[in-house]
Each structure stands twice: as C-alpha cells, then as structure tokens.
Protein backbone atom coordinates (compact mmCIF):
# COMPACT_ATOMS: atom_id res chain seq x y z
CA MET A 1 9.18 27.93 21.73
CA GLN A 2 9.86 24.80 19.65
CA THR A 3 13.17 24.53 17.91
CA THR A 4 13.73 23.11 14.44
CA ASP A 5 15.08 19.90 15.89
CA ASP A 6 11.87 19.57 18.02
CA ARG A 7 9.69 19.87 14.92
CA SER A 8 11.96 17.49 12.95
CA GLY A 9 11.49 14.83 15.67
CA TYR A 10 7.73 15.50 15.63
CA HIS A 11 7.57 15.15 11.83
CA LEU A 12 9.45 11.88 11.98
CA PHE A 13 7.04 10.53 14.61
CA LEU A 14 4.12 11.73 12.52
CA VAL A 15 5.32 9.80 9.47
CA LEU A 16 5.80 6.64 11.55
CA ILE A 17 2.27 6.93 13.12
CA ILE A 18 0.66 7.46 9.69
CA TYR A 19 2.72 4.54 8.28
CA VAL A 20 1.51 2.22 11.12
CA TYR A 21 -2.09 3.51 10.77
CA SER A 22 -2.09 2.78 7.07
CA ALA A 23 -0.45 -0.61 7.46
CA VAL A 24 -2.81 -1.75 10.18
CA SER A 25 -5.78 -0.61 7.99
CA MET A 26 -4.44 -3.02 5.34
CA ALA A 27 -3.74 -5.78 7.78
CA VAL A 28 -7.37 -6.91 7.86
CA VAL A 29 -6.92 -8.89 4.62
CA GLY A 30 -3.82 -10.65 5.79
CA LEU A 31 -5.57 -11.39 9.11
CA VAL A 32 -8.60 -13.07 7.48
CA VAL A 33 -6.73 -15.14 4.86
CA PRO A 34 -5.39 -17.83 7.33
CA PHE A 35 -8.87 -18.22 8.81
CA ILE A 36 -10.76 -18.79 5.67
CA SER A 37 -11.25 -22.49 6.26
CA ALA A 38 -12.10 -21.99 10.00
CA ILE A 39 -14.76 -19.34 9.13
CA ALA A 40 -16.17 -21.59 6.40
CA ASP A 41 -16.41 -24.60 8.81
CA ALA A 42 -18.10 -22.47 11.49
CA ARG A 43 -20.67 -21.09 9.01
CA HIS A 44 -21.17 -24.42 7.22
CA VAL A 45 -20.16 -23.02 3.80
CA SER A 46 -17.37 -23.88 1.43
CA PRO A 47 -14.13 -21.94 1.64
CA GLY A 48 -14.67 -20.57 -1.89
CA PRO A 49 -17.31 -17.96 -1.04
CA ILE A 50 -15.28 -16.90 1.99
CA GLY A 51 -12.18 -16.49 -0.10
CA THR A 52 -13.87 -14.53 -2.87
CA SER A 53 -15.50 -12.26 -0.26
CA LEU A 54 -11.97 -10.76 0.35
CA SER A 55 -12.49 -8.84 -2.94
CA PHE A 56 -15.12 -6.73 -1.14
CA PHE A 57 -12.30 -5.09 0.90
CA SER A 58 -10.91 -3.67 -2.34
CA VAL A 59 -14.25 -2.48 -3.75
CA PRO A 60 -14.42 0.93 -2.05
CA ALA A 61 -10.82 1.87 -2.99
CA ALA A 62 -11.10 0.37 -6.49
CA PHE A 63 -14.23 2.32 -7.49
CA THR A 64 -14.54 5.37 -5.17
CA SER A 65 -11.03 6.40 -4.09
CA PHE A 66 -11.44 9.59 -6.11
CA LEU A 67 -14.51 10.43 -4.02
CA PHE A 68 -12.79 9.68 -0.83
CA GLY A 69 -10.04 11.97 -1.87
CA MET A 70 -12.51 14.73 -2.61
CA ILE A 71 -14.00 14.30 0.90
CA VAL A 72 -10.53 14.60 2.41
CA ASP A 73 -10.06 17.90 0.41
CA ARG A 74 -13.45 19.03 1.78
CA ILE A 75 -13.22 18.15 5.46
CA GLY A 76 -9.42 17.98 6.04
CA VAL A 77 -7.23 15.21 7.18
CA LYS A 78 -7.76 15.86 10.90
CA LYS A 79 -11.49 14.97 10.58
CA ALA A 80 -10.90 12.18 8.03
CA PHE A 81 -8.57 10.30 10.36
CA PRO A 82 -11.06 9.41 13.12
CA ILE A 83 -13.77 8.67 10.52
CA SER A 84 -11.38 6.24 8.87
CA VAL A 85 -10.55 4.42 12.11
CA GLY A 86 -14.25 4.48 13.14
CA LEU A 87 -15.23 2.67 9.84
CA THR A 88 -12.52 0.06 10.32
CA LEU A 89 -13.68 -0.53 13.92
CA ILE A 90 -17.28 -1.03 12.74
CA GLY A 91 -16.08 -3.39 10.08
CA ASP A 92 -14.09 -5.38 12.62
CA THR A 93 -17.22 -5.64 14.80
CA LEU A 94 -19.02 -7.26 11.95
CA LEU A 95 -16.14 -9.61 11.32
CA LEU A 96 -16.32 -10.68 14.94
CA SER A 97 -19.80 -12.02 14.44
CA THR A 98 -19.76 -13.18 10.86
CA SER A 99 -23.25 -14.58 11.48
CA THR A 100 -23.85 -14.66 7.74
CA LEU A 101 -21.71 -14.46 4.65
CA TRP A 102 -22.99 -10.92 3.97
CA SER A 103 -22.00 -9.72 7.43
CA LEU A 104 -18.45 -10.82 6.52
CA ARG A 105 -18.61 -9.03 3.16
CA ILE A 106 -20.08 -5.82 4.60
CA GLY A 107 -17.47 -5.88 7.43
CA LEU A 108 -14.72 -6.22 4.89
CA MET A 109 -16.28 -3.40 2.76
CA LEU A 110 -16.40 -1.07 5.75
CA CYS A 111 -12.79 -1.91 6.53
CA GLY A 112 -12.06 -1.16 2.92
CA CYS A 113 -13.65 2.29 3.29
CA GLY A 114 -11.36 3.05 6.23
CA PHE A 115 -8.42 1.85 4.06
CA ALA A 116 -9.56 4.10 1.22
CA PHE A 117 -9.52 7.15 3.54
CA ALA A 118 -6.00 6.16 4.73
CA THR A 119 -4.66 5.94 1.16
CA ALA A 120 -6.24 9.26 0.17
CA GLY A 121 -5.73 11.25 3.28
CA SER A 122 -2.10 10.24 4.25
CA PRO A 123 -0.41 11.80 1.15
CA VAL A 124 -2.45 15.03 1.66
CA LEU A 125 -1.28 15.26 5.16
CA PHE A 126 2.34 14.98 4.15
CA MET A 127 2.08 17.39 1.34
CA ARG A 128 0.17 19.98 3.47
CA TYR A 129 1.90 19.82 6.82
CA LEU A 130 5.50 18.63 6.18
CA PRO A 131 8.27 20.95 5.10
CA GLU A 132 8.71 20.87 1.29
CA LYS A 133 12.11 19.24 1.44
CA ASN A 134 10.67 16.31 3.48
CA ARG A 135 7.53 15.57 1.46
CA SER A 136 8.99 13.34 -1.22
CA ARG A 137 10.90 11.30 1.36
CA ALA A 138 7.89 10.84 3.57
CA LEU A 139 5.83 9.73 0.58
CA ALA A 140 8.50 7.35 -0.57
CA PHE A 141 8.73 5.65 2.84
CA TRP A 142 4.93 5.64 3.34
CA SER A 143 4.27 4.03 -0.07
CA THR A 144 5.56 0.64 1.22
CA PHE A 145 2.83 0.27 3.83
CA ALA A 146 0.47 -2.03 1.90
CA PRO A 147 2.74 -5.18 1.48
CA ALA A 148 4.02 -4.60 5.04
CA GLY A 149 0.49 -4.29 6.37
CA TYR A 150 -0.70 -7.49 4.60
CA SER A 151 2.26 -9.41 6.01
CA ALA A 152 1.65 -7.87 9.50
CA GLY A 153 -1.92 -9.23 9.32
CA LEU A 154 -0.55 -12.72 8.51
CA LEU A 155 1.80 -12.54 11.43
CA LEU A 156 -0.87 -11.13 13.78
CA ALA A 157 -3.10 -14.18 13.00
CA ILE A 158 -0.38 -16.78 13.91
CA PRO A 159 -1.02 -16.81 17.68
CA PHE A 160 -4.63 -17.50 17.13
CA LEU A 161 -4.50 -20.13 14.40
CA ALA A 162 -4.84 -23.01 16.90
CA GLY A 163 -8.55 -23.64 17.16
CA GLY A 164 -9.37 -21.12 14.44
CA ARG A 165 -9.88 -18.27 16.87
CA TRP A 166 -10.56 -15.53 14.29
CA GLN A 167 -12.80 -13.61 16.68
CA THR A 168 -9.87 -13.15 19.08
CA ALA A 169 -7.68 -12.09 16.16
CA CYS A 170 -10.22 -9.51 15.11
CA LEU A 171 -10.40 -8.27 18.63
CA SER A 172 -6.61 -7.83 18.74
CA HIS A 173 -6.87 -5.80 15.57
CA MET A 174 -9.53 -3.60 17.12
CA VAL A 175 -7.33 -2.94 20.11
CA LEU A 176 -4.49 -1.94 17.74
CA MET A 177 -6.81 0.50 15.92
CA LEU A 178 -7.98 2.03 19.19
CA VAL A 179 -4.39 2.58 20.27
CA ILE A 180 -3.68 4.21 16.87
CA LEU A 181 -6.76 6.36 17.21
CA ALA A 182 -5.71 7.64 20.60
CA VAL A 183 -2.04 8.32 19.61
CA GLY A 184 -3.06 9.66 16.18
CA ILE A 185 -5.53 12.21 17.65
CA LEU A 186 -2.89 13.52 20.03
CA THR A 187 -0.31 13.66 17.31
CA LEU A 188 -2.50 15.45 14.77
CA ALA A 189 -3.53 17.97 17.30
CA ARG A 190 -0.02 19.43 17.18
CA LEU A 191 -0.06 19.78 13.34
CA LYS A 192 1.02 23.20 12.07
CA GLU A 193 1.45 24.49 8.57
CA PRO A 194 5.12 25.04 7.60
CA LEU A 195 6.40 28.57 8.40
CA THR A 196 7.26 29.08 4.75
CA ALA A 197 3.74 29.26 3.21
CA GLU A 198 3.28 27.99 -0.23
CA THR A 199 2.89 30.74 -2.76
CA ASN A 200 1.95 30.60 -6.31
CA SER A 201 4.19 32.77 -8.39
CA GLY A 202 2.86 33.43 -11.86
CA PRO A 203 -0.03 31.76 -13.48
CA ALA A 204 -1.80 28.94 -11.63
CA LYS A 205 -0.75 25.39 -12.64
CA LYS A 206 -3.79 23.50 -13.75
CA LEU A 207 -4.28 19.85 -12.89
CA SER A 208 -3.03 17.73 -15.83
CA PRO A 209 -5.13 14.51 -16.33
CA TRP A 210 -2.25 13.12 -18.33
CA LEU A 211 0.23 13.55 -15.54
CA VAL A 212 -2.15 11.98 -13.09
CA THR A 213 -2.68 9.00 -15.45
CA ALA A 214 1.10 8.64 -16.06
CA LEU A 215 1.91 8.59 -12.35
CA GLY A 216 -1.01 6.26 -11.63
CA LEU A 217 0.27 3.74 -14.22
CA SER A 218 3.87 4.09 -12.99
CA VAL A 219 2.92 3.26 -9.43
CA THR A 220 0.19 0.70 -10.35
CA LEU A 221 2.16 -1.51 -12.79
CA PRO A 222 4.85 -2.70 -10.26
CA ASN A 223 2.17 -2.81 -7.53
CA GLY A 224 0.17 -5.22 -9.60
CA ILE A 225 3.16 -7.46 -10.16
CA ALA A 226 4.00 -7.37 -6.42
CA TYR A 227 0.43 -8.37 -5.55
CA GLY A 228 0.30 -11.10 -8.14
CA THR A 229 3.69 -12.46 -6.99
CA SER A 230 2.53 -12.53 -3.39
CA LEU A 231 -0.54 -14.52 -4.38
CA ILE A 232 1.33 -17.27 -6.20
CA ALA A 233 4.75 -17.19 -4.48
CA PRO A 234 3.95 -19.47 -1.44
CA SER A 235 2.27 -22.24 -3.41
CA TYR A 236 4.74 -21.87 -6.35
CA LEU A 237 7.84 -22.24 -4.09
CA ALA A 238 6.24 -25.12 -2.23
CA ARG A 239 5.46 -26.92 -5.48
CA VAL A 240 8.64 -26.30 -7.34
CA HIS A 241 11.12 -26.71 -4.44
CA HIS A 242 9.17 -29.29 -2.42
CA VAL A 243 8.94 -27.44 0.82
CA SER A 244 5.93 -27.13 3.05
CA LEU A 245 3.32 -24.46 2.23
CA ALA A 246 3.39 -23.18 5.80
CA ALA A 247 7.16 -22.68 5.62
CA SER A 248 7.07 -20.87 2.28
CA ALA A 249 4.13 -18.66 3.45
CA ALA A 250 5.90 -17.70 6.61
CA GLU A 251 9.09 -16.91 4.65
CA VAL A 252 7.18 -14.63 2.22
CA ALA A 253 5.48 -12.73 5.08
CA ILE A 254 8.62 -12.11 7.12
CA VAL A 255 10.70 -11.16 4.10
CA LYS A 256 8.06 -8.76 2.96
CA ILE A 257 7.45 -6.92 6.20
CA VAL A 258 11.17 -6.53 7.02
CA VAL A 259 12.49 -5.74 3.61
CA MET A 260 9.67 -3.37 2.63
CA MET A 261 10.17 -1.19 5.67
CA ALA A 262 13.96 -1.24 5.39
CA GLY A 263 13.75 -0.65 1.63
CA GLY A 264 11.30 2.21 2.15
CA LEU A 265 13.68 3.87 4.63
CA ILE A 266 16.63 3.55 2.24
CA VAL A 267 14.67 4.85 -0.76
CA SER A 268 13.31 7.79 1.30
CA LEU A 269 16.89 8.85 1.98
CA CYS A 270 17.88 8.60 -1.68
CA VAL A 271 15.04 10.43 -3.39
CA GLY A 272 14.72 14.18 -3.26
CA THR A 273 14.59 15.50 -6.82
CA GLU A 274 12.52 14.46 -9.83
CA ARG A 275 15.55 13.17 -11.72
CA ARG A 276 16.71 11.03 -8.80
CA SER A 277 13.31 9.49 -8.48
CA ARG A 278 13.05 8.62 -12.20
CA VAL A 279 16.51 7.16 -12.29
CA MET A 280 15.93 5.14 -9.12
CA PHE A 281 12.66 3.83 -10.53
CA CYS A 282 14.45 2.50 -13.69
CA VAL A 283 17.30 0.96 -11.68
CA MET A 284 14.91 -0.74 -9.35
CA ALA A 285 12.92 -1.97 -12.46
CA ALA A 286 16.11 -3.68 -13.75
CA ILE A 287 16.82 -5.26 -10.41
CA GLY A 288 13.18 -6.32 -10.15
CA MET A 289 13.36 -8.12 -13.58
CA ALA A 290 16.46 -10.00 -12.55
CA ALA A 291 14.86 -10.84 -9.13
CA GLN A 292 11.73 -12.24 -10.78
CA TRP A 293 13.80 -14.51 -12.90
CA MET A 294 15.74 -15.80 -9.87
CA LEU A 295 12.51 -16.34 -8.00
CA LEU A 296 10.60 -18.09 -10.75
CA PHE A 297 13.16 -20.06 -12.71
CA PRO A 298 12.41 -23.74 -11.84
CA GLY A 299 16.04 -24.76 -12.31
CA SER A 300 17.19 -22.50 -9.49
CA THR A 301 17.67 -23.78 -5.90
CA MET A 302 15.56 -22.74 -2.92
CA VAL A 303 18.44 -20.50 -1.77
CA VAL A 304 18.52 -18.65 -5.14
CA ALA A 305 14.71 -18.36 -5.20
CA SER A 306 14.73 -16.98 -1.62
CA LEU A 307 17.42 -14.45 -2.67
CA GLY A 308 15.19 -13.56 -5.65
CA LEU A 309 12.33 -13.00 -3.31
CA PHE A 310 14.45 -10.80 -1.10
CA LEU A 311 15.69 -8.77 -4.11
CA TRP A 312 12.24 -8.47 -5.62
CA THR A 313 10.78 -7.17 -2.37
CA PHE A 314 13.52 -4.63 -2.07
CA ALA A 315 13.12 -3.63 -5.73
CA TYR A 316 9.40 -3.15 -5.24
CA SER A 317 9.92 -0.90 -2.22
CA GLY A 318 12.19 1.22 -4.46
CA LEU A 319 9.73 1.20 -7.37
CA SER A 320 6.83 2.19 -5.14
CA GLY A 321 8.81 4.76 -3.16
CA ALA A 322 10.35 6.45 -6.27
CA GLY A 323 6.97 6.59 -7.95
CA MET A 324 5.04 8.08 -5.02
CA SER A 325 7.77 10.61 -4.28
CA LEU A 326 6.68 12.25 -7.53
CA LEU A 327 3.14 12.93 -6.28
CA PRO A 328 3.88 16.52 -5.33
CA VAL A 329 4.93 17.08 -9.00
CA VAL A 330 1.38 16.08 -10.08
CA ALA A 331 -0.68 17.47 -7.13
CA THR A 332 0.34 21.10 -7.54
CA ASP A 333 -3.06 22.57 -6.43
CA ARG A 334 -3.77 22.31 -2.77
CA LYS A 335 -7.54 22.15 -3.33
CA THR A 336 -7.28 18.89 -5.33
CA ARG A 337 -4.52 17.03 -3.59
CA GLY A 338 -6.89 14.52 -2.03
CA ALA A 339 -8.56 13.90 -5.38
CA VAL A 340 -5.19 13.32 -7.04
CA ALA A 341 -4.00 10.99 -4.26
CA GLY A 342 -7.30 9.17 -4.36
CA THR A 343 -7.10 8.76 -8.12
CA VAL A 344 -3.63 7.26 -7.91
CA GLY A 345 -4.94 4.92 -5.18
CA GLN A 346 -7.85 4.00 -7.37
CA PHE A 347 -5.44 2.88 -10.07
CA ILE A 348 -3.68 0.65 -7.57
CA SER A 349 -6.87 -0.83 -6.17
CA VAL A 350 -8.24 -1.68 -9.65
CA SER A 351 -5.02 -3.66 -10.27
CA ALA A 352 -5.57 -5.48 -6.99
CA VAL A 353 -8.96 -6.58 -8.27
CA LEU A 354 -7.62 -7.67 -11.64
CA MET A 355 -4.34 -9.36 -10.75
CA PRO A 356 -5.79 -12.56 -9.15
CA TYR A 357 -7.63 -13.30 -12.44
CA LEU A 358 -4.43 -12.73 -14.43
CA TYR A 359 -2.05 -14.71 -12.13
CA PHE A 360 -4.41 -17.57 -11.47
CA SER A 361 -5.08 -17.98 -15.18
CA THR A 362 -1.81 -19.80 -15.65
CA THR A 363 0.73 -21.94 -13.79
CA LEU A 364 3.65 -21.38 -16.21
CA TRP A 365 6.66 -19.58 -14.75
CA THR A 366 7.38 -18.03 -18.15
CA SER A 367 3.97 -16.32 -18.06
CA TYR A 368 4.72 -14.87 -14.61
CA ALA A 369 8.08 -13.61 -15.84
CA LEU A 370 6.49 -12.07 -18.95
CA PHE A 371 3.92 -10.30 -16.83
CA ALA A 372 6.70 -8.77 -14.80
CA PHE A 373 8.93 -7.74 -17.73
CA CYS A 374 6.15 -6.08 -19.63
CA ALA A 375 4.75 -4.20 -16.64
CA LEU A 376 8.13 -2.98 -15.33
CA GLY A 377 9.20 -1.99 -18.86
CA MET A 378 6.03 -0.03 -19.39
CA GLY A 379 6.41 1.59 -15.99
CA CYS A 380 9.81 2.88 -16.95
CA LEU A 381 8.24 4.50 -20.05
CA THR A 382 5.48 6.22 -18.13
CA ILE A 383 7.64 7.44 -15.27
CA PHE A 384 9.55 9.69 -17.64
CA GLN A 385 6.25 11.38 -18.48
CA VAL A 386 5.91 12.65 -14.94
CA ARG A 387 7.69 16.00 -15.11
CA GLN A 388 7.02 19.36 -13.55
CA ARG A 389 5.30 21.44 -16.20
CA ARG A 390 6.94 24.77 -16.78
CA VAL A 391 4.58 27.71 -17.10
CA VAL A 392 5.90 30.20 -19.65
CA VAL A 393 4.96 33.82 -18.97
CA ALA A 394 4.46 35.87 -22.15
C-alpha cells in the first residue's frame, strides 16, 4: 500500500518529467538557430530562407492548438504523450537529412505538432491526476518551460558548433526524446485519479469564452514581450555595450535557463489561491517594467543591463506562473480541459508568430520599453477578470 509521502514523491517526479519533456520539445528551435549559416552553406542557399523557416515550428500551435487540445480530451494524456514524442522524432529525422528546404520546414512543423501536444496535454494531466491543492503550483512551475527549453537547445548545440555538425546535434536531441519516452511511459503507467473524486455540487459551470480570452491575454502579453526581448537582447547588448555577440548570446541563454527554473519553483511555492496569483502577477509586472528599463536604457552599464536581464527573466517566470496557475479557475469542465489549455496555448503561439515583426520593425530602445509597459499594464487589467464564477442557486 502506498503512503501519502510515496504519492507526493511520485507527483513531484511526474511534474519534473513533464517539465523536461515539454522543454526538450521546445529545444528544437534553440538547437537549429546556431546552425542556420551552416545549414545554408551545406544546401547552397542564403541564410534568410533557413531563418524564416523557423516560423514553421510555431504554425501548428499557432493555428490548431485548440484542435490538439480537443484530441487530448478525446484520447487522454496517456495516449497523447507517445504520439507527441513520436511526431518530434519523425521531425528530427527530417532535420537530420535536410536534403531540401522543404524537408527542413516539414521537419520543424512535425516537431511543432509534438510541441503543440505537449502544451495542450501537460496542463490536462496536472488538472486530472494531481491532488487539487497541488495543481496550481504544478502549472505555475511548468509554465516556465518554453524559455528554459529554448535556452537548453542553444546550450545543447554548443558542443557541435565546430564544423557545423547539426546532424549530430539533432541526433543528440533524438536520444534525449527517446529517454524521455521510456521514462515517461513508465511514469504515466502509475497514474491514478486522486482519491477525492471531483464532484459537481449544484448547477454545472459552463465554459466562459470571456474567461478563456482574459486568461489567454494575461498569459500571452508578457510571453510576447519575453519572446521579443530574447530576439533582440543579444544583438542589442552587443551593439550598445560593445561586447561580442557570442558572449551576450551565451549570457542570455544561461541566465534564462537558470533563472526561469528557479523562478518557477519559487512562484509555485507562493501561489495557491486566486487572490495570491493575481497579486503576484501585478507585483511581477511592476518588477518587469523596472527590469526592462534597466536592460534597455543605453546610459546604463553592462552590469546594470545584466542585472536588468536577470530581474526581467525572474519577473517573467512569475508572470507566466501566476497566470497559468489560474487555469483551473477557467477549465472547470473536465471534458473541455484540453480545449481550454490548447486555446491558451494558441494565444501564446500566435504572439510568437507576431512578435518578430513587431520587434524587428524598430531599433529604438524607447519603442521596446513602450511595448513592455503597454503589454504588462494591459496584462494586469485582464488578470483581474479571471475570477471563479459563482453559481447562484434560486
């Protein structure tokens, strides 16, 4: 017979496995970025088409996350997990060859399908199988996986940069996914519903499109700023503070992967109620605005800019975690949890498609700061709309 402590240890391990699985699914983009020039040279094309092909990774999640969520609702997370890993492995296989530009794009799209399953299925898994008191904390920690995964991909590519060995880098990614598949299947096999079954007392709570939209915007707005900042930060710091691009890129990657995981852990321990999550979101938004100013202000030193980058990464982990911890408030119907999680993920993915156009449309630091202030301010307004609806019985 398993004790409560045994199950608590298992639940913690489950959250860690799902975090790593989601992060490694995202790592494909960070893995390919350093090899853009090498792939272009090998295929005798300019780097431009290779770089723009990265957008194909985001296409499945940006336009069909809702459908992926519905599939998860239909087949369950235990079946969706191996399908997700399998799609990523097939995509990696195409990336290994990259015989044509379209094999690269289709490979990235298949990896994006695996990622879409991860973003839709992981929240459903937490909300269905974890005890109610642990769901918000698990979602808060898990929400930081994307930036950490992108940075992990950059770091995974470093040993293979000499000679442009992207095939070996992709092979190492495949090995990681196979390990995750084996460990994940064994871990998911032990899944059991909480002993205290969910019961609906009183009238059923209908899904509120407005609540889903409000939560989607609350999570998406800071995510868009985080993605845009990560796109311009290495080159911006190198240009303004006269350091090498390689040094600034390495700094951005290491800071993000360490601080996002640490920040997610801290936030997961602090959230727990709707009110705490909303207050934390607003506090982190204020810290994020100050951090963006420190990072972007040209008159600051490299030390101040680095501190700003550190604080911004920590603030974003808090913003993302506090927002995602409110997902159970919106996804009240077990039959539509995947669809809700997929819809929120679709909001985020659409921002990932749009942000490069916004951030690369200017080189003015004041514009970057304005983007951040407007998005974080609007996020604070929408987060207070995400409240548990009370059903009044006549």
